[in-house]
Amino acid sequence: MERVIITGNTLTLEEIKLVCRDYCQVELSKEAVDRIMASRKIVDEFVENEEVIYGITTGFGKFSDVSISKEESRLLQKNLIVTHAVGAGKPFETEVVRGIILLRINNLAKGYSGARIETIETMINMLNKRVHPIVPQKGSLGSSGDLAPLSHMVLPMIGLGMAEYMGEVMPGEDAMKKSGIPVIELTSKEGLALINGTQVMTAVGALTVYDALNLLKVSDIAAALSFEAHNGVVDALDHKVHEVRPHKGQIDTARILLQLLKESKMTTRQGEIRVQDAYSLRCTPQVHGASKDAINYVKEQVEIEINSVTDNPIIFPETREGISGGNFHGQPMALSFDFLGIALAELADISERRVERLVNPALSGLPAFLVEHGGLNSGFMIVQYSAASLVSENKILAHPASVDSIPSSANQEDHVSMGTIAARKSKEIMENVRRVLAMEIMCACQGIDLRGNKGLGKGTAPVYEAVRGCVPKLTEDRPLYEDINKCEELIINGAIVNVCEKATGSIEF
């Protein structure tokens, strides 16, 4: 497997996925090493000369006016970590913890943080040897960065806390010893350099954005299948309609739906069966398109953040300065991840409405709840209930976290972002959306069978076959959660998008 080279400036979402989920190895570029050494040299000079620089020769937060001698600087950094590791809740998944470490390495590799090369190499070894600190999900205000969860990330590095190694959770010191990674003693600036930043919220959000981009494709495929199950009117997808309101996402969605439905014998033209469809079909380009534009905006913000310096103070070797600023403030990500959650929620919102139209005989003209011999069989009745529940839950989760702030550190830190809460919520929304889309795909395939499959589109036919390869047509009641699980797994492992792209060849989601 190829290694991901950490430069501090070029990390991508795809590389984050490779490291977090595929356990790709990482290493520093030579240029990054040179920058790290240069910034560390400046920090050492600050300490030796006892210059007044926040967090290096002073305390933290409200204690920024308290001077710290060079003899006390090591203890200061250790105390920072042990007192700030006060997270709560269940631990983050391994992939998120790997993302946190990776993003922190990339931040430090830019050479504006003053951490030693030995400390950064310890983190690289932890990634490459799969030592994963146990990091609680809750407890961050999102300014001064993700202090509490990042402190839990650091604990095993100094022989404290808990970590997972070789599938077993153990004391951090034991995990480091068994993996052959020496524990370290933090020195001046390093504790602050490791925990002052937005890497927790950004790791959660970056992985969610990666998954969201896939769900945008899946949502179009699900809608196309529903079009066929309903004998949908394709005139509403005509490019002329969308070019006079030229939002990119809207134009792209209409084009994609037409490509997916190309050669379909299950769609209709205006006036053949009905003049127009309900909004959940007819307005799919407008709704999906708006979510696409929003999610792509968030992607751009994340790509900036993952290659940014979010430290305080920031060390500028060229001018020999240590400037105390506010780059740790998570507001750019907080707003973005709130937006991400809202955009994702709408994909499930309209998907559930398409499910309702399929199971409701008054709207679909199909057997009630998509099953023959209704009454004895309930069919997909409660599938719609479950989808509606997830959509309703998303409405609660989509309430923005970024509009809240609670002052901290004796009002020194009097506005915070709550960005990590926004990221965690967006991830939960994404998982609910994925489940609803799996339900729609399953219902649409059933609707196509009951309608009579006269020939599906170039893009939808292979998806239908993939679904039917693991989920047979429902002829009598059976445990449907197992079928939904199988459909959802086809989304998670990429099979639905892959078979569609392979069949269409030229389609550009």
Protein backbone atom coordinates (compact mmCIF):
# COMPACT_ATOMS: atom_id res chain seq x y z
CA MET A 1 0.00 0.00 0.00
CA GLU A 2 1.34 3.43 -0.91
CA ARG A 3 2.15 5.83 1.91
CA VAL A 4 0.49 9.18 2.43
CA ILE A 5 3.17 11.88 2.53
CA ILE A 6 2.41 14.58 5.09
CA THR A 7 3.45 18.02 3.89
CA GLY A 8 1.13 20.20 5.97
CA ASN A 9 -0.36 21.69 2.81
CA THR A 10 -1.69 18.97 0.53
CA LEU A 11 -3.83 16.58 2.57
CA THR A 12 -7.05 15.53 0.79
CA LEU A 13 -10.33 13.91 1.79
CA GLU A 14 -9.35 10.80 -0.14
CA GLU A 15 -6.07 10.56 1.80
CA ILE A 16 -7.96 10.99 5.08
CA LYS A 17 -10.16 8.06 4.09
CA LEU A 18 -7.09 5.96 3.15
CA VAL A 19 -5.42 6.55 6.52
CA CYS A 20 -8.54 6.38 8.68
CA ARG A 21 -10.32 3.43 7.10
CA ASP A 22 -7.73 1.58 5.04
CA TYR A 23 -4.85 1.99 7.56
CA CYS A 24 -2.53 3.50 4.98
CA GLN A 25 0.90 4.35 6.43
CA VAL A 26 2.07 7.96 6.71
CA GLU A 27 5.39 9.76 6.71
CA LEU A 28 6.64 13.36 6.81
CA SER A 29 8.06 15.08 3.76
CA LYS A 30 11.61 16.42 4.02
CA GLU A 31 10.31 19.98 3.68
CA ALA A 32 7.95 19.45 6.59
CA VAL A 33 10.79 18.15 8.75
CA ASP A 34 12.86 21.26 7.96
CA ARG A 35 9.96 23.56 8.89
CA ILE A 36 9.33 21.69 12.14
CA MET A 37 12.99 22.01 13.15
CA ALA A 38 13.03 25.73 12.35
CA SER A 39 9.96 26.54 14.45
CA ARG A 40 11.24 24.43 17.35
CA LYS A 41 14.48 26.37 17.37
CA ILE A 42 12.54 29.61 17.88
CA VAL A 43 10.59 28.14 20.82
CA ASP A 44 13.82 27.02 22.48
CA GLU A 45 15.15 30.56 22.14
CA PHE A 46 11.98 32.03 23.68
CA VAL A 47 12.36 29.74 26.70
CA GLU A 48 16.10 30.31 27.09
CA ASN A 49 15.64 34.09 26.98
CA GLU A 50 12.50 33.90 29.16
CA GLU A 51 10.55 36.03 26.71
CA VAL A 52 6.87 36.52 27.54
CA ILE A 53 5.01 34.33 25.05
CA TYR A 54 1.55 32.91 25.83
CA GLY A 55 1.53 29.23 26.75
CA ILE A 56 5.32 28.97 26.54
CA THR A 57 6.44 31.18 29.39
CA THR A 58 2.96 31.91 30.78
CA GLY A 59 -0.03 29.97 32.05
CA PHE A 60 -3.15 29.29 30.01
CA GLY A 61 -6.50 31.04 29.57
CA LYS A 62 -7.19 33.21 32.59
CA PHE A 63 -3.67 32.40 33.81
CA SER A 64 -2.06 34.01 30.75
CA ASP A 65 -0.61 36.72 33.02
CA VAL A 66 1.15 34.19 35.26
CA SER A 67 4.84 33.83 34.37
CA ILE A 68 6.37 30.35 34.14
CA SER A 69 10.11 29.81 34.56
CA LYS A 70 12.07 27.68 32.12
CA GLU A 71 12.63 25.16 34.92
CA GLU A 72 8.84 24.73 35.23
CA SER A 73 8.04 24.59 31.52
CA ARG A 74 8.01 20.78 31.27
CA LEU A 75 5.71 20.36 34.26
CA LEU A 76 3.46 23.09 32.83
CA GLN A 77 2.92 21.09 29.62
CA LYS A 78 2.22 17.83 31.46
CA ASN A 79 -0.20 19.53 33.83
CA LEU A 80 -1.99 21.02 30.84
CA ILE A 81 -2.72 17.58 29.41
CA VAL A 82 -3.73 15.80 32.60
CA THR A 83 -6.04 18.57 33.77
CA HIS A 84 -7.67 19.08 30.37
CA ALA A 85 -8.43 15.37 29.77
CA VAL A 86 -11.97 15.57 31.16
CA GLY A 87 -14.01 14.25 28.23
CA ALA A 88 -17.34 12.50 28.63
CA GLY A 89 -19.50 9.97 26.81
CA LYS A 90 -18.72 7.02 24.61
CA PRO A 91 -15.35 6.93 22.86
CA PHE A 92 -14.96 7.91 19.23
CA GLU A 93 -14.72 5.15 16.65
CA THR A 94 -11.21 4.08 15.66
CA GLU A 95 -11.48 5.77 12.26
CA VAL A 96 -12.24 9.12 13.91
CA VAL A 97 -9.33 8.77 16.36
CA ARG A 98 -7.01 8.03 13.44
CA GLY A 99 -8.38 11.13 11.72
CA ILE A 100 -7.71 13.25 14.81
CA ILE A 101 -4.09 12.09 14.99
CA LEU A 102 -3.57 12.52 11.24
CA LEU A 103 -4.95 16.05 11.19
CA ARG A 104 -2.88 17.02 14.22
CA ILE A 105 0.27 15.72 12.52
CA ASN A 106 -0.58 17.70 9.39
CA ASN A 107 -1.14 20.86 11.45
CA LEU A 108 2.21 20.48 13.21
CA ALA A 109 3.96 19.66 9.92
CA LYS A 110 3.28 23.17 8.65
CA GLY A 111 6.03 24.39 10.97
CA TYR A 112 4.19 27.09 12.92
CA SER A 113 3.66 25.19 16.16
CA GLY A 114 7.06 24.62 17.75
CA ALA A 115 6.62 20.94 18.56
CA ARG A 116 9.72 18.73 18.47
CA ILE A 117 10.22 16.34 15.57
CA GLU A 118 10.42 13.47 18.11
CA THR A 119 6.92 14.25 19.36
CA ILE A 120 5.45 14.30 15.86
CA GLU A 121 7.23 11.07 14.96
CA THR A 122 5.66 9.47 18.03
CA MET A 123 2.23 10.32 16.63
CA ILE A 124 3.20 8.95 13.21
CA ASN A 125 4.33 5.71 14.84
CA MET A 126 1.03 5.48 16.69
CA LEU A 127 -0.85 5.74 13.41
CA ASN A 128 1.40 3.30 11.57
CA LYS A 129 1.45 0.74 14.42
CA ARG A 130 -2.25 1.22 15.18
CA VAL A 131 -2.10 2.51 18.72
CA HIS A 132 -5.40 4.34 19.12
CA PRO A 133 -6.05 6.45 22.23
CA ILE A 134 -9.51 6.17 23.80
CA VAL A 135 -11.03 9.60 23.17
CA PRO A 136 -14.46 10.46 24.66
CA GLN A 137 -16.83 12.14 22.22
CA LYS A 138 -18.16 14.89 24.47
CA GLY A 139 -16.61 17.79 26.35
CA SER A 140 -15.33 20.20 23.69
CA LEU A 141 -16.53 23.79 23.31
CA GLY A 142 -14.83 24.07 19.94
CA SER A 143 -12.66 26.98 21.13
CA SER A 144 -9.71 27.08 22.33
CA GLY A 145 -9.98 24.22 19.97
CA ASP A 146 -10.94 20.70 21.01
CA LEU A 147 -9.08 20.84 24.30
CA ALA A 148 -10.64 17.95 26.24
CA PRO A 149 -10.74 15.27 23.52
CA LEU A 150 -7.30 16.20 22.17
CA SER A 151 -5.89 15.87 25.68
CA HIS A 152 -7.19 12.29 25.77
CA MET A 153 -5.39 11.73 22.46
CA VAL A 154 -2.12 12.83 24.08
CA LEU A 155 -2.37 10.82 27.32
CA PRO A 156 -0.95 7.52 25.95
CA MET A 157 1.96 9.46 24.43
CA ILE A 158 3.07 10.35 27.97
CA GLY A 159 2.24 6.93 29.42
CA LEU A 160 -1.22 7.76 30.76
CA GLY A 161 -4.84 7.24 29.76
CA MET A 162 -6.21 4.30 27.81
CA ALA A 163 -5.60 3.08 24.27
CA GLU A 164 -6.65 0.32 21.90
CA TYR A 165 -3.93 -1.87 20.43
CA MET A 166 -4.39 -5.09 18.44
CA GLY A 167 -8.11 -4.96 19.15
CA GLU A 168 -7.67 -4.76 22.93
CA VAL A 169 -8.25 -1.74 25.18
CA MET A 170 -5.48 -1.34 27.75
CA PRO A 171 -3.63 1.33 29.72
CA GLY A 172 -1.91 3.75 27.37
CA GLU A 173 1.54 2.97 28.76
CA ASP A 174 1.03 -0.74 28.02
CA ALA A 175 -0.17 -0.06 24.48
CA MET A 176 2.89 2.05 23.77
CA LYS A 177 5.21 -0.55 25.26
CA LYS A 178 3.67 -3.49 23.39
CA SER A 179 3.84 -1.58 20.09
CA GLY A 180 7.48 -0.65 20.69
CA ILE A 181 6.85 3.10 20.78
CA PRO A 182 8.68 4.94 23.60
CA VAL A 183 6.58 7.30 25.68
CA ILE A 184 7.75 10.92 25.67
CA GLU A 185 8.13 13.80 28.08
CA LEU A 186 6.54 16.95 26.77
CA THR A 187 8.62 20.08 26.80
CA SER A 188 7.89 23.78 26.34
CA LYS A 189 4.93 24.63 24.06
CA GLU A 190 4.29 21.00 23.14
CA GLY A 191 1.23 20.31 25.26
CA LEU A 192 -0.43 23.40 23.86
CA ALA A 193 0.71 22.55 20.32
CA LEU A 194 -0.98 19.16 20.60
CA ILE A 195 -4.37 20.21 21.96
CA ASN A 196 -4.99 23.77 20.76
CA GLY A 197 -6.91 23.29 17.50
CA THR A 198 -9.98 22.05 15.64
CA GLN A 199 -8.78 18.57 14.72
CA VAL A 200 -11.53 16.62 16.52
CA MET A 201 -14.45 18.45 14.96
CA THR A 202 -12.66 18.47 11.60
CA ALA A 203 -11.86 14.74 11.69
CA VAL A 204 -15.49 13.88 12.44
CA GLY A 205 -16.73 16.36 9.85
CA ALA A 206 -14.26 15.38 7.14
CA LEU A 207 -15.24 11.71 7.29
CA THR A 208 -18.90 12.73 7.29
CA VAL A 209 -18.37 14.93 4.23
CA TYR A 210 -16.65 12.02 2.49
CA ASP A 211 -19.68 9.83 3.19
CA ALA A 212 -22.09 12.63 2.32
CA LEU A 213 -20.58 12.95 -1.16
CA ASN A 214 -21.31 9.26 -1.70
CA LEU A 215 -24.86 9.65 -0.36
CA LEU A 216 -25.51 12.40 -2.88
CA LYS A 217 -24.93 9.82 -5.61
CA VAL A 218 -27.03 7.21 -3.82
CA SER A 219 -29.88 9.68 -3.35
CA ASP A 220 -30.04 10.29 -7.11
CA ILE A 221 -30.03 6.55 -7.79
CA ALA A 222 -32.79 5.97 -5.23
CA ALA A 223 -34.88 8.76 -6.75
CA ALA A 224 -34.40 7.34 -10.25
CA LEU A 225 -35.65 3.93 -9.08
CA SER A 226 -38.66 5.62 -7.50
CA PHE A 227 -39.29 7.45 -10.79
CA GLU A 228 -39.57 4.08 -12.48
CA ALA A 229 -41.72 2.53 -9.75
CA HIS A 230 -44.13 5.48 -10.18
CA ASN A 231 -43.91 5.73 -14.00
CA GLY A 232 -42.56 9.22 -13.37
CA VAL A 233 -42.81 12.06 -15.90
CA VAL A 234 -39.32 12.82 -17.21
CA ASP A 235 -40.25 16.12 -18.89
CA ALA A 236 -39.55 17.81 -15.55
CA LEU A 237 -35.91 16.77 -15.96
CA ASP A 238 -35.47 18.53 -19.31
CA HIS A 239 -32.27 20.57 -19.30
CA LYS A 240 -34.12 23.64 -20.57
CA VAL A 241 -36.15 23.80 -17.36
CA HIS A 242 -33.01 23.89 -15.22
CA GLU A 243 -30.84 26.12 -17.37
CA VAL A 244 -33.23 29.02 -16.81
CA ARG A 245 -32.56 28.68 -13.07
CA PRO A 246 -28.89 27.79 -13.30
CA HIS A 247 -27.97 26.47 -9.86
CA LYS A 248 -25.19 23.96 -10.50
CA GLY A 249 -26.50 21.23 -8.23
CA GLN A 250 -29.97 21.45 -9.75
CA ILE A 251 -28.67 21.26 -13.33
CA ASP A 252 -26.36 18.36 -12.43
CA THR A 253 -29.13 16.39 -10.70
CA ALA A 254 -31.53 16.67 -13.65
CA ARG A 255 -28.75 15.55 -16.01
CA ILE A 256 -27.79 12.63 -13.77
CA LEU A 257 -31.38 11.43 -13.40
CA LEU A 258 -31.85 11.45 -17.16
CA GLN A 259 -28.63 9.49 -17.62
CA LEU A 260 -29.68 6.96 -14.99
CA LEU A 261 -33.09 6.59 -16.66
CA LYS A 262 -31.77 6.41 -20.21
CA GLU A 263 -33.50 3.63 -22.21
CA SER A 264 -35.99 2.99 -19.37
CA LYS A 265 -39.37 1.61 -20.38
CA MET A 266 -40.82 2.50 -16.98
CA THR A 267 -40.91 6.29 -17.25
CA THR A 268 -43.53 8.41 -19.02
CA ARG A 269 -43.89 11.71 -20.83
CA GLN A 270 -46.09 14.62 -19.89
CA GLY A 271 -49.76 13.73 -20.43
CA GLU A 272 -49.30 10.00 -21.10
CA ILE A 273 -50.53 8.95 -17.65
CA ARG A 274 -50.56 12.24 -15.79
CA VAL A 275 -49.61 15.82 -16.55
CA GLN A 276 -47.18 16.20 -13.66
CA ASP A 277 -45.83 14.33 -10.65
CA ALA A 278 -45.91 15.27 -7.00
CA TYR A 279 -43.07 17.43 -5.71
CA SER A 280 -41.11 14.54 -4.19
CA LEU A 281 -40.48 13.33 -7.76
CA ARG A 282 -40.83 16.45 -9.86
CA CYS A 283 -38.71 18.65 -7.59
CA THR A 284 -35.93 16.12 -7.00
CA PRO A 285 -33.40 18.22 -8.98
CA GLN A 286 -34.22 21.32 -6.97
CA VAL A 287 -34.02 19.58 -3.58
CA HIS A 288 -31.09 17.24 -4.22
CA GLY A 289 -29.33 20.02 -6.10
CA ALA A 290 -29.55 22.43 -3.19
CA SER A 291 -28.05 19.80 -0.89
CA LYS A 292 -25.27 19.15 -3.40
CA ASP A 293 -24.35 22.82 -3.55
CA ALA A 294 -24.38 23.04 0.24
CA ILE A 295 -22.31 19.90 0.79
CA ASN A 296 -19.77 20.91 -1.84
CA TYR A 297 -19.42 24.27 -0.06
CA VAL A 298 -18.72 22.41 3.18
CA LYS A 299 -16.19 20.23 1.35
CA GLU A 300 -14.31 23.36 0.26
CA GLN A 301 -14.27 24.67 3.84
CA VAL A 302 -13.00 21.34 5.17
CA GLU A 303 -10.23 21.22 2.55
CA ILE A 304 -9.06 24.62 3.79
CA GLU A 305 -9.23 23.62 7.45
CA ILE A 306 -7.37 20.30 7.18
CA ASN A 307 -4.35 22.16 5.76
CA SER A 308 -4.49 25.14 8.11
CA VAL A 309 -2.67 26.23 11.26
CA THR A 310 -5.07 26.22 14.21
CA ASP A 311 -2.51 26.78 16.94
CA ASN A 312 -2.01 29.45 19.54
CA PRO A 313 0.45 31.05 19.77
CA ILE A 314 1.61 30.74 16.17
CA ILE A 315 5.38 30.63 15.72
CA PHE A 316 6.76 32.56 12.73
CA PRO A 317 10.40 31.52 12.29
CA GLU A 318 11.04 34.04 9.50
CA THR A 319 10.28 37.00 11.75
CA ARG A 320 11.10 35.23 15.03
CA GLU A 321 7.65 35.96 16.44
CA GLY A 322 5.19 34.09 18.59
CA ILE A 323 1.83 35.77 17.98
CA SER A 324 -1.17 34.96 20.12
CA GLY A 325 -4.33 34.86 17.99
CA GLY A 326 -7.55 32.93 17.61
CA ASN A 327 -7.06 30.36 14.84
CA PHE A 328 -8.23 27.65 17.25
CA HIS A 329 -11.76 29.06 17.11
CA GLY A 330 -14.00 26.53 15.40
CA GLN A 331 -16.63 28.90 14.01
CA PRO A 332 -15.80 28.30 10.31
CA MET A 333 -16.28 24.57 10.88
CA ALA A 334 -19.22 24.95 13.27
CA LEU A 335 -21.29 26.84 10.71
CA SER A 336 -20.18 24.46 7.97
CA PHE A 337 -21.11 21.32 9.88
CA ASP A 338 -24.48 22.73 10.90
CA PHE A 339 -25.05 23.43 7.20
CA LEU A 340 -23.88 19.90 6.37
CA GLY A 341 -26.39 18.38 8.76
CA ILE A 342 -29.27 20.42 7.34
CA ALA A 343 -28.32 19.59 3.75
CA LEU A 344 -28.10 15.88 4.55
CA ALA A 345 -31.37 15.88 6.47
CA GLU A 346 -33.24 17.14 3.41
CA LEU A 347 -32.08 14.15 1.36
CA ALA A 348 -33.86 11.85 3.82
CA ASP A 349 -36.83 14.20 4.09
CA ILE A 350 -37.71 13.97 0.41
CA SER A 351 -36.71 10.29 0.25
CA GLU A 352 -39.23 9.41 2.97
CA ARG A 353 -41.94 11.22 1.01
CA ARG A 354 -41.14 9.07 -2.01
CA VAL A 355 -41.38 5.99 0.22
CA GLU A 356 -44.78 7.14 1.48
CA ARG A 357 -46.02 7.55 -2.08
CA LEU A 358 -44.89 4.01 -2.86
CA VAL A 359 -46.58 2.33 0.12
CA ASN A 360 -49.79 4.38 -0.07
CA PRO A 361 -52.18 2.77 -2.59
CA ALA A 362 -54.14 6.00 -2.98
CA LEU A 363 -51.02 7.69 -4.31
CA SER A 364 -49.22 4.87 -6.12
CA GLY A 365 -51.91 2.68 -7.66
CA LEU A 366 -49.89 -0.26 -6.32
CA PRO A 367 -51.03 -2.84 -3.76
CA ALA A 368 -51.20 -1.34 -0.27
CA PHE A 369 -47.83 -1.32 1.48
CA LEU A 370 -46.25 -2.97 -1.54
CA VAL A 371 -47.44 -6.48 -0.77
CA GLU A 372 -50.04 -8.79 -2.26
CA HIS A 373 -52.60 -10.35 0.08
CA GLY A 374 -52.60 -7.28 2.32
CA GLY A 375 -54.18 -7.69 5.71
CA LEU A 376 -52.62 -11.06 6.24
CA ASN A 377 -49.37 -9.40 5.21
CA SER A 378 -48.31 -5.92 6.40
CA GLY A 379 -45.58 -5.62 3.80
CA PHE A 380 -43.62 -2.37 3.94
CA MET A 381 -46.07 -0.55 6.23
CA ILE A 382 -43.66 -0.14 9.14
CA VAL A 383 -40.68 0.56 6.89
CA GLN A 384 -42.30 3.92 6.23
CA TYR A 385 -42.87 4.36 9.98
CA SER A 386 -39.18 3.79 10.63
CA ALA A 387 -38.16 6.16 7.85
CA ALA A 388 -40.51 8.81 9.23
CA SER A 389 -39.00 8.37 12.69
CA LEU A 390 -35.47 8.85 11.39
CA VAL A 391 -36.52 11.93 9.43
CA SER A 392 -38.18 13.39 12.51
CA GLU A 393 -35.07 12.70 14.58
CA ASN A 394 -32.98 14.47 11.95
CA LYS A 395 -35.14 17.57 12.34
CA ILE A 396 -34.16 17.68 16.02
CA LEU A 397 -30.49 17.00 15.26
CA ALA A 398 -30.42 19.66 12.53
CA HIS A 399 -30.97 22.43 15.08
CA PRO A 400 -27.72 24.43 14.79
CA ALA A 401 -25.09 24.09 17.50
CA SER A 402 -23.14 27.11 16.27
CA VAL A 403 -25.73 29.65 17.44
CA ASP A 404 -24.92 28.78 21.07
CA SER A 405 -22.02 29.97 23.19
CA ILE A 406 -21.20 29.65 26.90
CA PRO A 407 -18.30 31.74 28.30
CA SER A 408 -15.41 29.82 29.87
CA SER A 409 -12.07 30.36 31.60
CA ALA A 410 -13.39 33.13 33.87
CA ASN A 411 -14.79 34.94 30.81
CA GLN A 412 -11.39 35.16 29.12
CA GLU A 413 -12.79 32.79 26.50
CA ASP A 414 -16.17 34.48 26.22
CA HIS A 415 -17.34 33.19 22.83
CA VAL A 416 -17.01 29.57 21.72
CA SER A 417 -18.15 27.69 18.62
CA MET A 418 -19.67 24.38 19.75
CA GLY A 419 -18.32 23.10 16.43
CA THR A 420 -17.60 19.59 17.68
CA ILE A 421 -21.23 19.18 18.64
CA ALA A 422 -22.18 20.34 15.13
CA ALA A 423 -19.82 17.76 13.59
CA ARG A 424 -21.09 14.93 15.77
CA LYS A 425 -24.68 15.81 14.93
CA SER A 426 -23.99 15.89 11.22
CA LYS A 427 -22.47 12.40 11.44
CA GLU A 428 -25.55 11.06 13.21
CA ILE A 429 -27.80 12.70 10.63
CA MET A 430 -25.73 11.15 7.83
CA GLU A 431 -26.20 7.68 9.31
CA ASN A 432 -29.97 8.21 9.52
CA VAL A 433 -30.06 9.45 5.92
CA ARG A 434 -28.16 6.39 4.73
CA ARG A 435 -30.74 4.15 6.39
CA VAL A 436 -33.68 6.00 4.84
CA LEU A 437 -32.11 5.80 1.38
CA ALA A 438 -31.65 2.05 1.84
CA MET A 439 -35.36 1.81 2.64
CA GLU A 440 -36.30 3.81 -0.44
CA ILE A 441 -34.17 1.67 -2.73
CA MET A 442 -35.73 -1.49 -1.31
CA CYS A 443 -39.28 -0.10 -1.63
CA ALA A 444 -38.65 1.17 -5.16
CA CYS A 445 -37.40 -2.25 -6.29
CA GLN A 446 -40.52 -3.83 -4.81
CA GLY A 447 -42.69 -1.23 -6.55
CA ILE A 448 -40.99 -1.96 -9.86
CA ASP A 449 -41.73 -5.68 -9.44
CA LEU A 450 -45.38 -5.04 -8.60
CA ARG A 451 -45.76 -2.55 -11.44
CA GLY A 452 -44.25 -5.03 -13.86
CA ASN A 453 -40.64 -4.53 -14.90
CA LYS A 454 -40.78 -3.62 -18.56
CA GLY A 455 -37.11 -2.61 -18.70
CA LEU A 456 -35.15 -0.27 -16.45
CA GLY A 457 -32.73 2.51 -17.24
CA LYS A 458 -29.10 2.10 -18.10
CA GLY A 459 -28.08 3.24 -14.62
CA THR A 460 -30.93 1.82 -12.54
CA ALA A 461 -31.00 -1.69 -14.01
CA PRO A 462 -27.65 -2.80 -12.52
CA VAL A 463 -28.62 -1.33 -9.14
CA TYR A 464 -31.90 -3.24 -9.22
CA GLU A 465 -29.97 -6.43 -10.01
CA ALA A 466 -27.49 -5.79 -7.18
CA VAL A 467 -30.34 -5.33 -4.72
CA ARG A 468 -32.19 -8.40 -5.95
CA GLY A 469 -28.95 -10.34 -5.64
CA CYS A 470 -29.21 -10.09 -1.86
CA VAL A 471 -32.83 -9.09 -1.20
CA PRO A 472 -35.54 -11.07 -3.04
CA LYS A 473 -38.97 -9.71 -3.86
CA LEU A 474 -41.31 -9.72 -0.87
CA THR A 475 -44.17 -12.16 -1.47
CA GLU A 476 -45.11 -12.72 2.17
CA ASP A 477 -44.04 -11.08 5.43
CA ARG A 478 -40.53 -11.72 6.70
CA PRO A 479 -38.11 -9.83 9.03
CA LEU A 480 -37.45 -6.74 6.91
CA TYR A 481 -34.73 -5.25 9.10
CA GLU A 482 -32.37 -7.89 7.71
CA ASP A 483 -33.20 -6.80 4.15
CA ILE A 484 -32.71 -3.14 5.05
CA ASN A 485 -29.34 -4.01 6.61
CA LYS A 486 -28.29 -5.68 3.36
CA CYS A 487 -29.39 -2.69 1.28
CA GLU A 488 -27.56 -0.33 3.61
CA GLU A 489 -24.41 -2.43 3.34
CA LEU A 490 -24.57 -2.03 -0.45
CA ILE A 491 -24.43 1.72 0.17
CA ILE A 492 -21.64 1.52 2.76
CA ASN A 493 -19.37 -0.72 0.68
CA GLY A 494 -19.93 1.38 -2.44
CA ALA A 495 -21.55 -1.39 -4.47
CA ILE A 496 -24.61 0.62 -5.49
CA VAL A 497 -22.60 3.50 -6.89
CA ASN A 498 -19.94 1.22 -8.39
CA VAL A 499 -22.31 -0.96 -10.42
CA CYS A 500 -24.12 2.14 -11.63
CA GLU A 501 -20.95 3.92 -12.73
CA LYS A 502 -19.63 0.79 -14.41
CA ALA A 503 -22.84 0.30 -16.40
CA THR A 504 -23.21 3.91 -17.52
CA GLY A 505 -19.55 4.58 -18.20
CA SER A 506 -19.91 8.25 -19.02
CA ILE A 507 -22.05 9.34 -16.07
CA GLU A 508 -20.52 12.11 -13.98
CA PHE A 509 -22.14 12.37 -10.58
